Amino acid sequence: MRLDHVSYVASHDQISDVVNRIGTQIGTAFVDGGIHPKFGTRNFTAPLLNGQYIEIVCPLDHPATDATPFGQAVKKKADEGGGWMAWILASSDIDTLENGLNKKAVEGLRKKPNGQTLQWKQIGVTDMLDDARKPFYVQWLSNEHPSMDGLPHSKLAEIVINGEKSDEITKILENLTLDVNLTFISLPDLEVGIKEIIFEFDKKLISIN
């Protein structure tokens, strides 16, 4: 497995401002990723070096938002003011993950404004909802990948997570090819989860929280 992308939540009213702000910080234009009809969300994505990408996602006023774990997670984070929600790992064997997590993967899709449809399976969102330190997982079914949309200028350098590194996360990391630093800190006054993500752009480190 490898790190696939990182996910930042904004409200529906604020997503345009967040896209412009973060796009300027990492020197990379976001593209409209379209709507996730199964999840009641929509996103914008920007490519990163090393075949990764950043997603900015918002909840929609749609029944699926409350009916699906991903929609619930996005809505909960938006209601809390937004920010980093998750780090997401790409797997080529999601069947093994289903057995290990004792649950079924959910199929996702979104149709981009250019008509192209992206499809994938994802699993572990409910675990991430229960413990914001944890990643969730995707397996891409489409040949296209969001890291191909546009020209990347930045790369992920470090993910800083508030909360102690649990034995379960240590086990996850044993089977992971992680080409960024993953740092765990303990700040009791902050909620558990991603505190900041550091990007490298134009030979400088850019912290976004």
Protein backbone atom coordinates (compact mmCIF):
# COMPACT_ATOMS: atom_id res chain seq x y z
CA MET A 1 0.00 0.00 0.00
CA ARG A 2 0.99 3.60 -0.48
CA LEU A 3 -0.27 7.05 0.42
CA ASP A 4 -2.81 8.03 -2.24
CA HIS A 5 -4.18 11.42 -1.19
CA VAL A 6 -5.11 13.72 1.67
CA SER A 7 -8.58 15.13 2.23
CA TYR A 8 -9.54 18.62 3.45
CA VAL A 9 -13.14 19.58 4.26
CA ALA A 10 -14.79 22.93 3.66
CA SER A 11 -18.41 24.02 3.87
CA HIS A 12 -20.36 24.40 0.65
CA ASP A 13 -20.28 28.19 1.04
CA GLN A 14 -16.54 28.33 1.69
CA ILE A 15 -15.14 25.73 -0.69
CA SER A 16 -14.29 28.22 -3.47
CA ASP A 17 -12.30 30.38 -1.05
CA VAL A 18 -10.49 27.34 0.38
CA VAL A 19 -9.65 26.05 -3.11
CA ASN A 20 -8.17 29.43 -4.04
CA ARG A 21 -6.24 29.75 -0.77
CA ILE A 22 -4.66 26.31 -0.77
CA GLY A 23 -4.07 26.37 -4.54
CA THR A 24 -2.08 29.58 -4.12
CA GLN A 25 -0.11 28.13 -1.20
CA ILE A 26 0.98 25.02 -3.13
CA GLY A 27 1.30 26.77 -6.49
CA THR A 28 -1.07 24.36 -8.19
CA ALA A 29 -4.49 24.87 -9.76
CA PHE A 30 -7.40 22.75 -8.54
CA VAL A 31 -9.84 21.18 -10.98
CA ASP A 32 -13.53 20.54 -10.42
CA GLY A 33 -13.80 16.87 -9.50
CA GLY A 34 -17.57 16.74 -9.70
CA ILE A 35 -20.21 15.26 -7.40
CA HIS A 36 -20.12 11.96 -5.47
CA PRO A 37 -23.79 10.98 -5.93
CA LYS A 38 -23.57 8.04 -3.53
CA PHE A 39 -22.05 10.13 -0.74
CA GLY A 40 -23.79 13.47 -1.12
CA THR A 41 -20.51 15.38 -1.48
CA ARG A 42 -18.49 17.15 -4.16
CA ASN A 43 -14.80 17.83 -4.49
CA PHE A 44 -11.99 19.72 -6.16
CA THR A 45 -8.59 18.08 -6.63
CA ALA A 46 -5.04 19.21 -7.27
CA PRO A 47 -2.23 16.90 -8.41
CA LEU A 48 0.89 16.46 -6.32
CA LEU A 49 4.27 15.02 -7.21
CA ASN A 50 4.87 11.30 -6.58
CA GLY A 51 1.47 10.35 -8.04
CA GLN A 52 -0.51 11.74 -5.11
CA TYR A 53 -3.14 14.45 -4.86
CA ILE A 54 -5.04 16.70 -2.50
CA GLU A 55 -8.82 16.74 -2.30
CA ILE A 56 -11.01 19.53 -0.97
CA VAL A 57 -14.49 18.19 -0.35
CA CYS A 58 -17.75 19.67 0.90
CA PRO A 59 -21.12 18.23 1.92
CA LEU A 60 -24.21 18.83 -0.18
CA ASP A 61 -27.80 19.28 0.91
CA HIS A 62 -28.66 15.74 -0.14
CA PRO A 63 -30.11 12.65 1.64
CA ALA A 64 -27.00 10.60 0.81
CA THR A 65 -24.89 12.93 2.95
CA ASP A 66 -26.56 11.67 6.12
CA ALA A 67 -27.01 8.11 4.87
CA THR A 68 -23.38 7.19 4.15
CA PRO A 69 -20.29 7.12 6.40
CA PHE A 70 -18.25 9.30 4.05
CA GLY A 71 -21.02 11.86 3.77
CA GLN A 72 -21.44 11.84 7.54
CA ALA A 73 -17.70 12.33 8.07
CA VAL A 74 -17.56 15.26 5.66
CA LYS A 75 -20.66 16.90 7.12
CA LYS A 76 -19.39 16.44 10.70
CA LYS A 77 -16.04 18.04 9.82
CA ALA A 78 -17.72 20.91 7.97
CA ASP A 79 -20.02 21.56 10.94
CA GLU A 80 -16.92 21.73 13.15
CA GLY A 81 -15.41 24.44 10.96
CA GLY A 82 -13.63 22.32 8.36
CA GLY A 83 -9.99 21.39 8.02
CA TRP A 84 -8.01 18.22 7.42
CA MET A 85 -10.15 15.11 7.63
CA ALA A 86 -8.07 12.12 6.54
CA TRP A 87 -5.03 10.54 4.97
CA ILE A 88 -6.00 7.87 2.47
CA LEU A 89 -4.04 4.78 1.46
CA ALA A 90 -4.26 3.06 -1.94
CA SER A 91 -4.52 -0.72 -1.97
CA SER A 92 -4.41 -3.20 -4.83
CA ASP A 93 -6.05 -5.92 -2.72
CA ILE A 94 -9.10 -4.52 -1.04
CA ASP A 95 -10.53 -8.04 -0.60
CA THR A 96 -7.85 -8.72 2.02
CA LEU A 97 -8.75 -5.48 3.76
CA GLU A 98 -12.40 -6.54 3.81
CA ASN A 99 -11.42 -9.74 5.60
CA GLY A 100 -9.13 -7.94 8.04
CA LEU A 101 -11.64 -5.21 8.87
CA ASN A 102 -14.60 -7.61 8.78
CA LYS A 103 -16.67 -5.31 6.58
CA LYS A 104 -17.46 -4.76 2.92
CA ALA A 105 -15.95 -2.08 0.74
CA VAL A 106 -18.25 0.54 -0.76
CA GLU A 107 -18.14 1.44 -4.43
CA GLY A 108 -17.75 5.11 -5.24
CA LEU A 109 -17.89 7.12 -8.42
CA ARG A 110 -17.92 10.67 -9.60
CA LYS A 111 -18.48 12.17 -13.00
CA LYS A 112 -16.20 15.08 -13.80
CA PRO A 113 -17.50 18.11 -15.71
CA ASN A 114 -15.66 16.86 -18.82
CA GLY A 115 -17.83 13.72 -18.76
CA GLN A 116 -15.12 11.36 -17.52
CA THR A 117 -16.22 8.95 -14.79
CA LEU A 118 -13.87 7.82 -12.03
CA GLN A 119 -14.66 4.65 -10.08
CA TRP A 120 -13.13 3.12 -6.97
CA LYS A 121 -13.84 1.09 -3.85
CA GLN A 122 -13.27 2.42 -0.36
CA ILE A 123 -13.25 0.94 3.11
CA GLY A 124 -12.46 2.03 6.66
CA VAL A 125 -14.33 5.34 6.75
CA THR A 126 -16.33 4.32 9.84
CA ASP A 127 -13.08 3.45 11.62
CA MET A 128 -11.70 6.88 10.71
CA LEU A 129 -14.90 8.46 12.04
CA ASP A 130 -14.35 6.68 15.37
CA ASP A 131 -10.62 7.49 15.50
CA ALA A 132 -9.42 10.44 13.41
CA ARG A 133 -5.81 9.27 13.64
CA LYS A 134 -6.56 6.34 11.34
CA PRO A 135 -6.48 6.38 7.54
CA PHE A 136 -9.07 4.85 5.29
CA TYR A 137 -8.42 2.94 2.09
CA VAL A 138 -9.23 3.06 -1.61
CA GLN A 139 -8.70 0.78 -4.56
CA TRP A 140 -9.01 2.52 -7.91
CA LEU A 141 -11.10 0.75 -10.56
CA SER A 142 -10.49 3.41 -13.21
CA ASN A 143 -7.27 3.72 -15.17
CA GLU A 144 -7.31 7.48 -14.70
CA HIS A 145 -6.19 8.91 -11.37
CA PRO A 146 -6.74 12.44 -9.97
CA SER A 147 -2.98 12.98 -9.82
CA MET A 148 -3.13 13.12 -13.64
CA ASP A 149 -5.43 16.17 -13.64
CA GLY A 150 -3.14 19.10 -14.17
CA LEU A 151 0.53 19.85 -13.62
CA PRO A 152 1.87 19.26 -10.08
CA HIS A 153 4.32 21.68 -8.50
CA SER A 154 4.30 20.54 -4.86
CA LYS A 155 4.78 17.33 -2.94
CA LEU A 156 3.70 16.06 0.43
CA ALA A 157 6.48 16.33 2.99
CA GLU A 158 4.90 15.62 6.38
CA ILE A 159 1.57 14.78 7.99
CA VAL A 160 1.31 15.87 11.62
CA ILE A 161 -1.33 14.03 13.66
CA ASN A 162 -2.42 15.00 17.15
CA GLY A 163 -2.70 11.88 19.29
CA GLU A 164 -0.42 9.07 20.36
CA LYS A 165 0.55 6.48 17.75
CA SER A 166 -1.50 3.43 18.67
CA ASP A 167 -0.44 -0.20 18.28
CA GLU A 168 -3.03 -0.51 15.50
CA ILE A 169 -1.52 2.36 13.52
CA THR A 170 1.97 0.95 14.10
CA LYS A 171 0.77 -2.29 12.52
CA ILE A 172 -0.69 -0.39 9.55
CA LEU A 173 2.64 1.35 8.99
CA GLU A 174 4.50 -1.97 8.90
CA ASN A 175 2.81 -2.81 5.58
CA LEU A 176 3.03 0.67 4.11
CA THR A 177 5.40 2.30 1.67
CA LEU A 178 5.22 5.84 3.05
CA ASP A 179 7.25 8.47 1.20
CA VAL A 180 6.33 11.29 3.61
CA ASN A 181 7.06 11.86 7.27
CA LEU A 182 4.22 10.85 9.58
CA THR A 183 4.57 12.62 12.93
CA PHE A 184 2.44 12.05 16.03
CA ILE A 185 2.23 14.71 18.73
CA SER A 186 0.22 15.05 21.92
CA LEU A 187 -1.53 18.37 22.45
CA PRO A 188 -4.37 17.79 24.93
CA ASP A 189 -6.13 21.05 24.09
CA LEU A 190 -6.58 20.07 20.43
CA GLU A 191 -8.89 17.42 19.01
CA VAL A 192 -7.37 14.15 17.87
CA GLY A 193 -6.64 13.99 14.15
CA ILE A 194 -4.57 15.74 11.51
CA LYS A 195 -3.21 19.00 12.90
CA GLU A 196 -1.33 20.17 9.82
CA ILE A 197 0.11 18.92 6.56
CA ILE A 198 3.41 20.25 5.29
CA PHE A 199 4.06 20.54 1.56
CA GLU A 200 7.28 21.26 -0.29
CA PHE A 201 6.83 23.94 -2.95
CA ASP A 202 9.57 25.83 -4.75
CA LYS A 203 12.17 24.39 -2.35
CA LYS A 204 10.23 25.78 0.63
CA LEU A 205 8.11 24.02 3.26
CA ILE A 206 4.51 25.22 3.42
CA SER A 207 2.38 24.32 6.46
CA ILE A 208 -1.38 24.17 5.95
CA ASN A 209 -3.77 23.59 8.84
